[in-house]
N, C-alpha and C. Protein backbone atom coordinates (compact mmCIF):
# COMPACT_ATOMS: atom_id res chain seq x y z
N MET A 1 12.77 13.38 29.14
CA MET A 1 13.75 12.54 29.81
C MET A 1 13.24 11.11 29.83
N ALA A 2 14.10 10.16 29.48
CA ALA A 2 13.71 8.75 29.41
C ALA A 2 13.63 8.15 30.82
N LEU A 3 12.78 7.16 30.94
CA LEU A 3 12.62 6.46 32.21
C LEU A 3 13.83 5.59 32.47
N ASN A 4 14.40 5.70 33.64
CA ASN A 4 15.55 4.89 34.03
C ASN A 4 15.02 3.59 34.63
N THR A 5 15.28 2.47 33.97
CA THR A 5 14.78 1.18 34.42
C THR A 5 15.77 0.47 35.34
N ASN A 6 16.89 1.11 35.67
CA ASN A 6 17.87 0.52 36.56
C ASN A 6 17.30 0.47 37.97
N LYS A 7 17.17 -0.73 38.51
CA LYS A 7 16.58 -0.90 39.84
C LYS A 7 17.58 -0.59 40.95
N ASN A 8 18.88 -0.60 40.64
CA ASN A 8 19.90 -0.36 41.64
C ASN A 8 20.29 1.11 41.63
N LEU A 9 19.41 1.96 42.15
CA LEU A 9 19.65 3.39 42.13
C LEU A 9 20.23 3.91 43.44
N LYS A 10 20.37 3.07 44.42
CA LYS A 10 20.87 3.51 45.71
C LYS A 10 22.36 3.80 45.62
N LEU A 11 22.77 4.97 46.08
CA LEU A 11 24.17 5.37 46.01
C LEU A 11 24.96 4.94 47.23
N TYR A 12 24.34 4.97 48.40
CA TYR A 12 25.04 4.65 49.64
C TYR A 12 24.23 3.64 50.46
N TYR A 13 24.97 2.80 51.17
CA TYR A 13 24.37 1.79 52.04
C TYR A 13 24.91 2.00 53.45
N SER A 14 24.08 1.76 54.44
CA SER A 14 24.51 1.89 55.83
C SER A 14 25.33 0.66 56.23
N ILE A 15 26.03 0.77 57.34
CA ILE A 15 26.84 -0.35 57.80
C ILE A 15 25.95 -1.55 58.15
N SER A 16 24.75 -1.29 58.67
CA SER A 16 23.85 -2.40 59.01
C SER A 16 23.36 -3.12 57.74
N GLU A 17 23.11 -2.37 56.67
CA GLU A 17 22.69 -2.98 55.41
C GLU A 17 23.81 -3.85 54.83
N VAL A 18 25.02 -3.32 54.86
CA VAL A 18 26.16 -4.07 54.31
C VAL A 18 26.44 -5.30 55.16
N ALA A 19 26.37 -5.16 56.46
CA ALA A 19 26.58 -6.31 57.35
C ALA A 19 25.55 -7.40 57.06
N ALA A 20 24.32 -7.01 56.83
CA ALA A 20 23.26 -7.98 56.52
C ALA A 20 23.51 -8.66 55.17
N MET A 21 24.04 -7.92 54.19
CA MET A 21 24.32 -8.51 52.87
C MET A 21 25.28 -9.69 52.97
N PHE A 22 26.24 -9.58 53.88
CA PHE A 22 27.29 -10.60 53.97
C PHE A 22 27.17 -11.45 55.24
N ASP A 23 26.10 -11.27 55.99
CA ASP A 23 25.87 -12.00 57.23
C ASP A 23 27.06 -11.82 58.17
N LEU A 24 27.44 -10.57 58.39
CA LEU A 24 28.57 -10.23 59.26
C LEU A 24 28.09 -9.31 60.37
N ASN A 25 28.91 -9.19 61.39
CA ASN A 25 28.66 -8.19 62.43
C ASN A 25 29.20 -6.85 61.94
N GLU A 26 28.60 -5.79 62.41
CA GLU A 26 29.09 -4.45 62.06
C GLU A 26 30.52 -4.25 62.56
N SER A 27 30.83 -4.85 63.70
CA SER A 27 32.18 -4.72 64.25
C SER A 27 33.21 -5.37 63.33
N THR A 28 32.83 -6.43 62.64
CA THR A 28 33.74 -7.07 61.69
C THR A 28 34.07 -6.12 60.55
N LEU A 29 33.07 -5.43 60.04
CA LEU A 29 33.31 -4.46 58.98
C LEU A 29 34.21 -3.33 59.46
N ARG A 30 34.00 -2.85 60.67
CA ARG A 30 34.85 -1.78 61.21
C ARG A 30 36.30 -2.28 61.34
N TYR A 31 36.46 -3.51 61.77
CA TYR A 31 37.80 -4.08 61.92
C TYR A 31 38.47 -4.22 60.55
N TRP A 32 37.73 -4.68 59.56
CA TRP A 32 38.30 -4.82 58.22
C TRP A 32 38.73 -3.46 57.68
N GLU A 33 38.02 -2.40 58.03
CA GLU A 33 38.42 -1.06 57.58
C GLU A 33 39.80 -0.69 58.12
N LYS A 34 40.10 -1.14 59.33
CA LYS A 34 41.42 -0.89 59.91
C LYS A 34 42.50 -1.75 59.26
N GLU A 35 42.15 -2.97 58.91
CA GLU A 35 43.12 -3.92 58.38
C GLU A 35 43.40 -3.74 56.88
N PHE A 36 42.42 -3.30 56.14
CA PHE A 36 42.55 -3.14 54.69
C PHE A 36 42.43 -1.65 54.36
N PRO A 37 43.56 -1.00 54.11
CA PRO A 37 43.56 0.46 53.96
C PRO A 37 42.74 0.99 52.78
N TYR A 38 42.50 0.18 51.76
CA TYR A 38 41.73 0.64 50.61
C TYR A 38 40.23 0.56 50.85
N LEU A 39 39.81 0.00 51.96
CA LEU A 39 38.39 -0.06 52.32
C LEU A 39 38.08 1.14 53.22
N LYS A 40 37.64 2.22 52.60
CA LYS A 40 37.36 3.46 53.32
C LYS A 40 36.00 4.01 52.91
N PRO A 41 34.93 3.62 53.61
CA PRO A 41 33.63 4.19 53.27
C PRO A 41 33.58 5.67 53.64
N LYS A 42 32.74 6.38 52.93
CA LYS A 42 32.53 7.80 53.21
C LYS A 42 31.86 7.93 54.56
N THR A 43 32.23 8.95 55.31
CA THR A 43 31.56 9.21 56.58
C THR A 43 30.91 10.59 56.49
N SER A 44 29.77 10.72 57.16
CA SER A 44 29.06 12.00 57.09
C SER A 44 28.57 12.41 58.47
N GLY A 45 28.44 13.70 58.62
CA GLY A 45 27.89 14.24 59.84
C GLY A 45 28.86 14.18 61.00
N PRO A 46 28.47 14.81 62.09
CA PRO A 46 29.35 14.81 63.28
C PRO A 46 29.48 13.43 63.92
N SER A 47 28.52 12.56 63.69
CA SER A 47 28.59 11.22 64.28
C SER A 47 29.34 10.23 63.40
N LYS A 48 29.87 10.70 62.28
CA LYS A 48 30.70 9.87 61.37
C LYS A 48 29.97 8.61 60.92
N VAL A 49 28.74 8.77 60.44
CA VAL A 49 27.95 7.65 59.93
C VAL A 49 28.59 7.15 58.64
N ARG A 50 28.85 5.85 58.58
CA ARG A 50 29.49 5.27 57.41
C ARG A 50 28.48 5.14 56.26
N GLN A 51 28.96 5.46 55.06
CA GLN A 51 28.14 5.34 53.85
C GLN A 51 28.95 4.55 52.83
N TYR A 52 28.53 3.32 52.58
CA TYR A 52 29.24 2.42 51.68
C TYR A 52 28.71 2.57 50.26
N THR A 53 29.63 2.69 49.30
CA THR A 53 29.28 2.74 47.89
C THR A 53 29.34 1.33 47.31
N ASP A 54 28.93 1.20 46.05
CA ASP A 54 29.03 -0.09 45.37
C ASP A 54 30.49 -0.55 45.30
N LYS A 55 31.41 0.39 45.12
CA LYS A 55 32.84 0.05 45.09
C LYS A 55 33.30 -0.51 46.43
N ASP A 56 32.85 0.09 47.53
CA ASP A 56 33.18 -0.43 48.86
C ASP A 56 32.62 -1.83 49.04
N ILE A 57 31.42 -2.05 48.56
CA ILE A 57 30.78 -3.36 48.70
C ILE A 57 31.54 -4.41 47.89
N GLU A 58 32.07 -4.04 46.74
CA GLU A 58 32.90 -4.97 45.96
C GLU A 58 34.18 -5.32 46.73
N GLN A 59 34.77 -4.34 47.40
CA GLN A 59 35.96 -4.60 48.22
C GLN A 59 35.61 -5.59 49.33
N ILE A 60 34.49 -5.37 49.97
CA ILE A 60 34.05 -6.25 51.06
C ILE A 60 33.75 -7.64 50.53
N ARG A 61 33.14 -7.71 49.34
CA ARG A 61 32.83 -9.01 48.74
C ARG A 61 34.11 -9.82 48.54
N LEU A 62 35.16 -9.18 48.07
CA LEU A 62 36.43 -9.87 47.85
C LEU A 62 37.04 -10.32 49.18
N ILE A 63 37.06 -9.43 50.16
CA ILE A 63 37.61 -9.79 51.47
C ILE A 63 36.80 -10.93 52.09
N HIS A 64 35.49 -10.83 52.01
CA HIS A 64 34.60 -11.87 52.55
C HIS A 64 34.87 -13.21 51.87
N SER A 65 35.04 -13.18 50.56
CA SER A 65 35.30 -14.41 49.82
C SER A 65 36.60 -15.07 50.29
N LEU A 66 37.62 -14.26 50.47
CA LEU A 66 38.91 -14.81 50.88
C LEU A 66 38.91 -15.28 52.33
N VAL A 67 38.33 -14.48 53.22
CA VAL A 67 38.42 -14.76 54.64
C VAL A 67 37.34 -15.72 55.13
N LYS A 68 36.10 -15.45 54.78
CA LYS A 68 34.99 -16.24 55.32
C LYS A 68 34.68 -17.48 54.48
N VAL A 69 34.77 -17.36 53.15
CA VAL A 69 34.41 -18.49 52.29
C VAL A 69 35.59 -19.45 52.13
N ARG A 70 36.76 -18.88 51.79
CA ARG A 70 37.93 -19.73 51.52
C ARG A 70 38.76 -20.01 52.76
N GLY A 71 38.56 -19.27 53.84
CA GLY A 71 39.21 -19.56 55.11
C GLY A 71 40.61 -19.01 55.29
N PHE A 72 41.00 -18.01 54.51
CA PHE A 72 42.32 -17.42 54.67
C PHE A 72 42.35 -16.55 55.92
N LYS A 73 43.53 -16.45 56.53
CA LYS A 73 43.75 -15.49 57.61
C LYS A 73 43.81 -14.10 56.99
N LEU A 74 43.63 -13.07 57.80
CA LEU A 74 43.64 -11.70 57.28
C LEU A 74 44.96 -11.35 56.61
N ALA A 75 46.06 -11.78 57.20
CA ALA A 75 47.37 -11.48 56.62
C ALA A 75 47.52 -12.11 55.24
N ALA A 76 47.04 -13.34 55.10
CA ALA A 76 47.12 -14.02 53.80
C ALA A 76 46.20 -13.35 52.79
N ALA A 77 45.03 -12.93 53.22
CA ALA A 77 44.10 -12.23 52.32
C ALA A 77 44.71 -10.92 51.83
N LYS A 78 45.35 -10.18 52.73
CA LYS A 78 46.02 -8.94 52.34
C LYS A 78 47.10 -9.21 51.30
N LYS A 79 47.88 -10.25 51.54
CA LYS A 79 48.97 -10.59 50.63
C LYS A 79 48.43 -10.96 49.24
N ILE A 80 47.37 -11.75 49.21
CA ILE A 80 46.77 -12.15 47.94
C ILE A 80 46.24 -10.93 47.19
N ILE A 81 45.54 -10.07 47.89
CA ILE A 81 44.96 -8.88 47.25
C ILE A 81 46.06 -7.95 46.75
N ASN A 82 47.09 -7.75 47.55
CA ASN A 82 48.17 -6.85 47.15
C ASN A 82 49.01 -7.40 46.01
N SER A 83 49.20 -8.71 45.96
CA SER A 83 50.07 -9.29 44.93
C SER A 83 49.33 -9.57 43.62
N ASN A 84 48.07 -9.93 43.70
CA ASN A 84 47.35 -10.34 42.49
C ASN A 84 45.88 -9.95 42.60
N ARG A 85 45.61 -8.69 42.57
CA ARG A 85 44.25 -8.19 42.75
C ARG A 85 43.28 -8.73 41.70
N ASP A 86 43.67 -8.70 40.42
CA ASP A 86 42.78 -9.16 39.36
C ASP A 86 42.48 -10.65 39.49
N GLY A 87 43.48 -11.43 39.81
CA GLY A 87 43.28 -12.86 39.99
C GLY A 87 42.36 -13.16 41.16
N ALA A 88 42.52 -12.41 42.24
CA ALA A 88 41.67 -12.59 43.41
C ALA A 88 40.22 -12.23 43.08
N ASP A 89 40.03 -11.16 42.31
CA ASP A 89 38.68 -10.77 41.89
C ASP A 89 38.03 -11.86 41.04
N ARG A 90 38.78 -12.37 40.08
CA ARG A 90 38.23 -13.43 39.19
C ARG A 90 37.90 -14.69 39.98
N THR A 91 38.79 -15.06 40.90
CA THR A 91 38.54 -16.24 41.72
C THR A 91 37.29 -16.07 42.56
N ALA A 92 37.12 -14.89 43.14
CA ALA A 92 35.93 -14.63 43.95
C ALA A 92 34.67 -14.71 43.10
N ASP A 93 34.72 -14.18 41.87
CA ASP A 93 33.57 -14.25 40.97
C ASP A 93 33.23 -15.70 40.63
N VAL A 94 34.25 -16.50 40.33
CA VAL A 94 34.03 -17.91 39.98
C VAL A 94 33.44 -18.65 41.17
N LEU A 95 33.97 -18.42 42.36
CA LEU A 95 33.43 -19.10 43.55
C LEU A 95 31.99 -18.71 43.81
N GLU A 96 31.67 -17.44 43.59
CA GLU A 96 30.29 -16.98 43.78
C GLU A 96 29.35 -17.68 42.80
N ARG A 97 29.77 -17.77 41.55
CA ARG A 97 28.94 -18.44 40.54
C ARG A 97 28.79 -19.93 40.84
N LEU A 98 29.88 -20.57 41.24
CA LEU A 98 29.81 -22.00 41.57
C LEU A 98 28.91 -22.27 42.76
N THR A 99 28.95 -21.39 43.74
CA THR A 99 28.06 -21.54 44.89
C THR A 99 26.60 -21.42 44.47
N ALA A 100 26.31 -20.48 43.59
CA ALA A 100 24.94 -20.32 43.09
C ALA A 100 24.50 -21.54 42.30
N VAL A 101 25.38 -22.09 41.47
CA VAL A 101 25.06 -23.29 40.69
C VAL A 101 24.81 -24.46 41.64
N LYS A 102 25.64 -24.59 42.67
CA LYS A 102 25.48 -25.67 43.63
C LYS A 102 24.11 -25.59 44.31
N GLU A 103 23.73 -24.37 44.72
CA GLU A 103 22.43 -24.19 45.37
C GLU A 103 21.29 -24.54 44.41
N ASP A 104 21.42 -24.17 43.14
CA ASP A 104 20.41 -24.51 42.14
C ASP A 104 20.32 -26.02 41.95
N LEU A 105 21.46 -26.68 41.91
CA LEU A 105 21.47 -28.14 41.74
C LEU A 105 20.85 -28.85 42.94
N ILE A 106 21.11 -28.36 44.13
CA ILE A 106 20.52 -28.96 45.33
C ILE A 106 19.00 -28.79 45.30
N ALA A 107 18.53 -27.61 44.90
CA ALA A 107 17.08 -27.38 44.81
C ALA A 107 16.46 -28.28 43.74
N LEU A 108 17.15 -28.44 42.63
CA LEU A 108 16.66 -29.30 41.55
C LEU A 108 16.59 -30.75 42.02
N LYS A 109 17.62 -31.18 42.74
CA LYS A 109 17.64 -32.56 43.26
C LYS A 109 16.45 -32.81 44.20
N LYS A 110 16.15 -31.83 45.05
CA LYS A 110 15.01 -31.96 45.96
C LYS A 110 13.70 -32.06 45.19
N GLN A 111 13.59 -31.29 44.10
CA GLN A 111 12.39 -31.36 43.28
C GLN A 111 12.26 -32.73 42.62
N ILE A 112 13.37 -33.24 42.13
CA ILE A 112 13.35 -34.56 41.46
C ILE A 112 13.00 -35.64 42.48
N GLU A 113 13.59 -35.57 43.67
CA GLU A 113 13.27 -36.55 44.70
C GLU A 113 11.81 -36.49 45.12
N GLY A 114 11.20 -35.32 45.03
CA GLY A 114 9.79 -35.17 45.34
C GLY A 114 8.88 -35.83 44.30
N LEU A 115 9.38 -35.97 43.07
CA LEU A 115 8.61 -36.60 42.01
C LEU A 115 8.68 -38.12 42.06
N ILE A 116 9.73 -38.63 42.65
CA ILE A 116 9.94 -40.09 42.66
C ILE A 116 9.18 -40.75 43.76
């Protein structure tokens, strides 16, 4: 059997891990589950512990991008996702990349200012 070099082998994430990924409260994630019907993490055991998959995290990433980054209200975010899911996904990807580029440019600028 060949060695699997994929570092992302985790199948499920806890609500606290997902909340930390997006700098959100756990209660915000629970509320979004009520508001967005397609966001349904698996629950296990009698205590109904939430287990988020990569697909759930992608759903949260899109909602986070629309609500927290772009400032849409929940109703507007629902409407955007329901009417143009692919466009919303692409826009979220572009915004994520632009934010990363901006952070890189700011770090580069600080390095250049340190040389002058």
